[in-house]
C-alpha atoms as a PDB file:
ATOM      1  CA  MET A   1     -24.348   4.542   2.509  1.00  0.00           C
ATOM      2  CA  ASN A   2     -23.712   1.087   1.103  1.00  0.00           C
ATOM      3  CA  ILE A   3     -20.094   0.257   0.339  1.00  0.00           C
ATOM      4  CA  ARG A   4     -19.241  -2.820  -1.704  1.00  0.00           C
ATOM      5  CA  ALA A   5     -15.937  -4.647  -1.584  1.00  0.00           C
ATOM      6  CA  GLN A   6     -15.378  -3.521  -5.178  1.00  0.00           C
ATOM      7  CA  ASP A   7     -15.593   0.125  -4.066  1.00  0.00           C
ATOM      8  CA  LEU A   8     -12.764  -0.434  -1.578  1.00  0.00           C
ATOM      9  CA  MET A   9     -10.752  -2.450  -4.092  1.00  0.00           C
ATOM     10  CA  ASP A  10     -11.118   0.428  -6.573  1.00  0.00           C
ATOM     11  CA  LEU A  11      -9.779   2.857  -3.944  1.00  0.00           C
ATOM     12  CA  MET A  12      -6.859   0.549  -3.167  1.00  0.00           C
ATOM     13  CA  ASN A  13      -6.132   0.209  -6.898  1.00  0.00           C
ATOM     14  CA  GLU A  14      -6.126   4.006  -7.312  1.00  0.00           C
ATOM     15  CA  TRP A  15      -3.634   4.310  -4.458  1.00  0.00           C
ATOM     16  CA  ALA A  16      -1.498   1.299  -5.411  1.00  0.00           C
ATOM     17  CA  PRO A  17      -2.275   0.195  -8.988  1.00  0.00           C
ATOM     18  CA  ALA A  18      -1.629  -3.455  -9.786  1.00  0.00           C
ATOM     19  CA  ALA A  19       0.577  -2.257 -12.667  1.00  0.00           C
ATOM     20  CA  LEU A  20       3.159  -1.215 -10.046  1.00  0.00           C
ATOM     21  CA  ALA A  21       3.497  -4.805  -8.800  1.00  0.00           C
ATOM     22  CA  GLU A  22       6.502  -6.949  -9.601  1.00  0.00           C
ATOM     23  CA  SER A  23       5.823  -9.490 -12.372  1.00  0.00           C
ATOM     24  CA  TRP A  24       5.965 -12.405  -9.899  1.00  0.00           C
ATOM     25  CA  ASP A  25       3.503 -10.844  -7.453  1.00  0.00           C
ATOM     26  CA  HIS A  26      -0.244 -11.527  -7.128  1.00  0.00           C
ATOM     27  CA  PRO A  27      -1.974  -8.463  -5.682  1.00  0.00           C
ATOM     28  CA  GLY A  28      -5.711  -7.864  -5.734  1.00  0.00           C
ATOM     29  CA  LEU A  29      -8.709 -10.038  -5.008  1.00  0.00           C
ATOM     30  CA  GLN A  30      -7.707 -13.304  -3.366  1.00  0.00           C
ATOM     31  CA  VAL A  31     -11.025 -14.807  -2.220  1.00  0.00           C
ATOM     32  CA  GLY A  32     -14.571 -13.493  -2.194  1.00  0.00           C
ATOM     33  CA  ASN A  33     -17.340 -11.695  -3.988  1.00  0.00           C
ATOM     34  CA  PRO A  34     -16.581  -8.083  -5.006  1.00  0.00           C
ATOM     35  CA  GLU A  35     -20.302  -7.277  -4.795  1.00  0.00           C
ATOM     36  CA  GLU A  36     -20.498  -8.131  -1.068  1.00  0.00           C
ATOM     37  CA  PRO A  37     -21.414  -5.174   1.137  1.00  0.00           C
ATOM     38  CA  VAL A  38     -18.638  -4.147   3.526  1.00  0.00           C
ATOM     39  CA  LYS A  39     -19.429  -3.085   7.084  1.00  0.00           C
ATOM     40  CA  LYS A  40     -16.025  -3.565   8.701  1.00  0.00           C
ATOM     41  CA  VAL A  41     -12.453  -3.925   7.389  1.00  0.00           C
ATOM     42  CA  MET A  42      -9.431  -5.603   8.966  1.00  0.00           C
ATOM     43  CA  VAL A  43      -5.922  -4.649   7.832  1.00  0.00           C
ATOM     44  CA  SER A  44      -3.088  -7.110   8.393  1.00  0.00           C
ATOM     45  CA  LEU A  45       0.425  -7.922   7.269  1.00  0.00           C
ATOM     46  CA  ASP A  46      -0.525 -11.545   6.559  1.00  0.00           C
ATOM     47  CA  LEU A  47      -3.843 -13.310   6.156  1.00  0.00           C
ATOM     48  CA  THR A  48      -3.692 -15.991   8.839  1.00  0.00           C
ATOM     49  CA  GLU A  49      -6.239 -18.412  10.193  1.00  0.00           C
ATOM     50  CA  GLN A  50      -6.078 -16.520  13.495  1.00  0.00           C
ATOM     51  CA  ASN A  51      -6.936 -13.268  11.689  1.00  0.00           C
ATOM     52  CA  VAL A  52      -9.817 -14.931   9.859  1.00  0.00           C
ATOM     53  CA  ASP A  53     -11.150 -16.398  13.124  1.00  0.00           C
ATOM     54  CA  ARG A  54     -11.046 -12.936  14.692  1.00  0.00           C
ATOM     55  CA  ALA A  55     -12.706 -11.437  11.617  1.00  0.00           C
ATOM     56  CA  CYS A  56     -15.511 -13.991  11.894  1.00  0.00           C
ATOM     57  CA  LYS A  57     -16.084 -13.136  15.559  1.00  0.00           C
ATOM     58  CA  GLU A  58     -15.973  -9.372  15.003  1.00  0.00           C
ATOM     59  CA  GLY A  59     -18.179  -9.163  11.920  1.00  0.00           C
ATOM     60  CA  VAL A  60     -15.410  -8.138   9.524  1.00  0.00           C
ATOM     61  CA  SER A  61     -16.487  -8.143   5.866  1.00  0.00           C
ATOM     62  CA  MET A  62     -13.107  -7.601   4.199  1.00  0.00           C
ATOM     63  CA  ILE A  63      -9.484  -8.292   5.081  1.00  0.00           C
ATOM     64  CA  ILE A  64      -6.817  -6.241   3.338  1.00  0.00           C
ATOM     65  CA  SER A  65      -3.422  -7.873   3.769  1.00  0.00           C
ATOM     66  CA  HIS A  66      -0.020  -6.811   2.566  1.00  0.00           C
ATOM     67  CA  HIS A  67       1.199 -10.292   1.675  1.00  0.00           C
ATOM     68  CA  PRO A  68      -0.974 -12.326  -0.709  1.00  0.00           C
ATOM     69  CA  PHE A  69      -2.453 -15.431   0.921  1.00  0.00           C
ATOM     70  CA  LEU A  70      -2.720 -17.161  -2.456  1.00  0.00           C
ATOM     71  CA  PHE A  71       0.734 -16.858  -3.907  1.00  0.00           C
ATOM     72  CA  LYS A  72       1.438 -20.186  -5.585  1.00  0.00           C
ATOM     73  CA  SER A  73      -1.108 -21.821  -7.860  1.00  0.00           C
ATOM     74  CA  LEU A  74      -3.678 -24.059  -6.215  1.00  0.00           C
ATOM     75  CA  HIS A  75      -4.467 -27.350  -7.900  1.00  0.00           C
ATOM     76  CA  ARG A  76      -7.062 -28.427  -5.362  1.00  0.00           C
ATOM     77  CA  ILE A  77      -8.746 -27.006  -2.288  1.00  0.00           C
ATOM     78  CA  ASP A  78      -8.537 -29.630   0.441  1.00  0.00           C
ATOM     79  CA  LEU A  79     -10.546 -28.356   3.401  1.00  0.00           C
ATOM     80  CA  SER A  80      -8.447 -30.411   5.814  1.00  0.00           C
ATOM     81  CA  THR A  81      -5.335 -28.342   5.013  1.00  0.00           C
ATOM     82  CA  TYR A  82      -4.386 -24.956   6.454  1.00  0.00           C
ATOM     83  CA  LYS A  83      -5.114 -23.048   3.225  1.00  0.00           C
ATOM     84  CA  GLY A  84      -8.299 -25.023   2.648  1.00  0.00           C
ATOM     85  CA  ARG A  85      -9.623 -24.221   6.140  1.00  0.00           C
ATOM     86  CA  VAL A  86      -8.863 -20.523   5.709  1.00  0.00           C
ATOM     87  CA  ILE A  87     -10.555 -20.398   2.286  1.00  0.00           C
ATOM     88  CA  GLU A  88     -13.580 -22.259   3.655  1.00  0.00           C
ATOM     89  CA  LYS A  89     -13.933 -19.802   6.561  1.00  0.00           C
ATOM     90  CA  LEU A  90     -13.622 -16.813   4.248  1.00  0.00           C
ATOM     91  CA  ILE A  91     -16.298 -18.142   1.913  1.00  0.00           C
ATOM     92  CA  CYS A  92     -18.679 -19.379   4.627  1.00  0.00           C
ATOM     93  CA  HIS A  93     -18.523 -16.049   6.474  1.00  0.00           C
ATOM     94  CA  HIS A  94     -18.682 -13.911   3.298  1.00  0.00           C
ATOM     95  CA  ILE A  95     -15.309 -12.300   4.031  1.00  0.00           C
ATOM     96  CA  LEU A  96     -13.394 -10.949   1.071  1.00  0.00           C
ATOM     97  CA  SER A  97      -9.596 -11.170   1.023  1.00  0.00           C
ATOM     98  CA  PHE A  98      -7.611  -8.538  -0.873  1.00  0.00           C
ATOM     99  CA  ALA A  99      -3.834  -8.096  -1.019  1.00  0.00           C
ATOM    100  CA  ALA A 100      -1.649  -5.132  -1.925  1.00  0.00           C
ATOM    101  CA  HIS A 101       1.985  -6.222  -1.891  1.00  0.00           C
ATOM    102  CA  THR A 102       4.769  -4.903  -4.140  1.00  0.00           C
ATOM    103  CA  ASN A 103       2.330  -2.482  -5.761  1.00  0.00           C
ATOM    104  CA  LEU A 104       1.802  -0.921  -2.324  1.00  0.00           C
ATOM    105  CA  ASP A 105       5.546  -0.989  -1.610  1.00  0.00           C
ATOM    106  CA  THR A 106       6.207   1.224  -4.634  1.00  0.00           C
ATOM    107  CA  ALA A 107       3.108   3.468  -4.466  1.00  0.00           C
ATOM    108  CA  ARG A 108       3.553   7.104  -3.466  1.00  0.00           C
END
């Protein structure tokens, strides 16, 4: 059975619809291709560089975090910065990042 990231995002959105999120929140797809096949999922409170490094080593295809990694608007992606390095690793290793924050807090 082939599972795409979009299939898992659809399940997460059924459980915790984005409409339940606070107006200032940014749940959902953070980085990645929804059509990527998913073999392994990591769940974390925060998307950190350490988590992404572990995901790379362990063959994780998707990271579902509670707190959105991309919260404030990005005006540039500088690969020498913390956020830039994390985004680069996610993209280079075909790892999708998805967040469910205040929508998950209020879901039944």
